[in-house]
Amino acid sequence: MAHTNRPTQSYWQSNLPINELNQHEYTIEILYHFTCGCCQEWWSYTHTPGKLEMDLNLPDNEKFWCPHCGHTQKLKLKEGFPI
């Protein structure tokens, strides 16, 4: 499907200041990847933080459930992953 509202000039070709253009917006999402300790299948979990915090670790006392085999277990950070 073709876009009909595309501008005919890029920002770099226009004389408009950047605050007068329609700026792109973005959000931040943290994506965690898990591998089941039982069946070795993997899945992902996304989290959009309410505020940016530097601690990216998930709680180590909370049990997570594998959507593939149902195994429930605590988490540990994969060996060698730098945080």
Protein backbone atom coordinates (compact mmCIF):
# COMPACT_ATOMS: atom_id res chain seq x y z
CA MET A 1 0.00 0.00 0.00
CA ALA A 2 1.48 3.36 -1.02
CA HIS A 3 1.71 6.22 1.44
CA THR A 4 -0.15 9.25 0.14
CA ASN A 5 0.90 11.68 2.88
CA ARG A 6 4.63 11.53 2.24
CA PRO A 7 6.36 14.88 2.08
CA THR A 8 8.00 15.68 -1.21
CA GLN A 9 11.10 17.11 0.50
CA SER A 10 13.27 15.69 3.24
CA TYR A 11 14.20 17.72 6.30
CA TRP A 12 17.67 18.24 4.90
CA GLN A 13 16.20 19.76 1.73
CA SER A 14 13.71 22.03 3.49
CA ASN A 15 14.24 25.46 5.01
CA LEU A 16 11.96 24.70 7.99
CA PRO A 17 13.45 24.50 11.48
CA ILE A 18 13.20 21.00 12.93
CA ASN A 19 10.66 22.06 15.60
CA GLU A 20 8.15 22.92 12.86
CA LEU A 21 8.26 19.44 11.34
CA ASN A 22 6.37 16.36 12.43
CA GLN A 23 8.98 14.64 14.54
CA HIS A 24 9.20 10.90 15.06
CA GLU A 25 8.34 9.68 18.55
CA TYR A 26 9.69 6.63 20.30
CA THR A 27 9.27 4.60 23.46
CA ILE A 28 11.69 2.38 25.32
CA GLU A 29 11.11 -1.32 25.76
CA ILE A 30 13.32 -3.81 27.53
CA LEU A 31 13.31 -7.29 26.02
CA TYR A 32 14.32 -10.26 28.18
CA HIS A 33 15.11 -13.67 26.62
CA PHE A 34 14.67 -16.85 28.67
CA THR A 35 15.79 -20.44 28.14
CA CYS A 36 13.93 -23.10 30.12
CA GLY A 37 16.15 -25.09 32.49
CA CYS A 38 14.02 -28.17 31.84
CA CYS A 39 13.03 -28.34 28.13
CA GLN A 40 15.67 -25.86 26.81
CA GLU A 41 13.04 -24.01 24.73
CA TRP A 42 13.21 -20.21 24.72
CA TRP A 43 10.74 -17.33 25.01
CA SER A 44 10.83 -13.58 25.46
CA TYR A 45 9.25 -11.11 27.86
CA THR A 46 9.00 -7.37 27.25
CA HIS A 47 8.81 -4.63 29.82
CA THR A 48 8.18 -0.93 29.31
CA PRO A 49 9.59 0.83 32.35
CA GLY A 50 7.63 3.60 34.06
CA LYS A 51 10.95 5.32 34.67
CA LEU A 52 14.45 4.47 33.57
CA GLU A 53 16.35 2.54 36.18
CA MET A 54 19.84 1.20 35.79
CA ASP A 55 19.14 -2.14 37.52
CA LEU A 56 18.03 -4.45 34.70
CA ASN A 57 18.07 -7.63 36.79
CA LEU A 58 14.79 -9.43 37.37
CA PRO A 59 13.92 -10.50 40.92
CA ASP A 60 15.94 -13.61 41.84
CA ASN A 61 13.41 -14.80 44.43
CA GLU A 62 10.41 -14.85 42.05
CA LYS A 63 9.58 -18.02 40.13
CA PHE A 64 8.87 -17.84 36.39
CA TRP A 65 6.82 -20.30 34.35
CA CYS A 66 7.91 -21.83 31.01
CA PRO A 67 5.14 -21.41 28.41
CA HIS A 68 6.38 -24.54 26.55
CA CYS A 69 6.53 -27.23 29.25
CA GLY A 70 5.10 -25.53 32.35
CA HIS A 71 8.29 -25.88 34.42
CA THR A 72 8.35 -23.27 37.21
CA GLN A 73 11.69 -22.13 38.61
CA LYS A 74 13.66 -19.14 39.85
CA LEU A 75 15.83 -17.18 37.44
CA LYS A 76 19.57 -16.72 37.17
CA LEU A 77 21.43 -14.47 34.74
CA LYS A 78 23.05 -16.46 31.93
CA GLU A 79 26.72 -17.08 32.65
CA GLY A 80 28.99 -14.65 30.84
CA PHE A 81 26.30 -12.03 30.17
CA PRO A 82 27.65 -8.63 31.20
CA ILE A 83 25.37 -6.47 33.34
